[in-house]
């Protein structure tokens, strides 16, 4: 029988990590007046221009929510609309400014990971990868 106390401690540690990283990520985004959903949308626009319908399919968000989010990105000059008279065929692409900001944010997040693991040995990193991989597979099976 599994040690319930140990399981609870593992769960608590994972929840603490999640909370701390989420706070860090939120602070980075706040500095740039972005939300996680805005960054996610920029990431979806990164490769090619997309219609609202394509974005809806990619993100599993409804079209009205996406239209509002896209409007916000356009107002902030992070994205631009490729002209269509019919709003149902709106095509949006990330702007040069949006690409630069996206790059800066990802760089700041990557630097945090680099700092976190700076003093870890390769063996410790490998062990963490193995254990997290095992946990992910366990979640997928259930």
Foldseek 3Di string as FASTA:
>chain_A
DDDVVVVVVVVVVVVVVVVVLVVVLQVLQVVVPHDPVLLVLLVVQVPDKDALVVVCVVPVDDSVVVVVSVVVCVVVQQKDWDDDPDNNRIIMHGHPVNVVSSVVSVVVSVVVVCVVCVPPDPVRVVVVVVVVVVVVVVVVVD
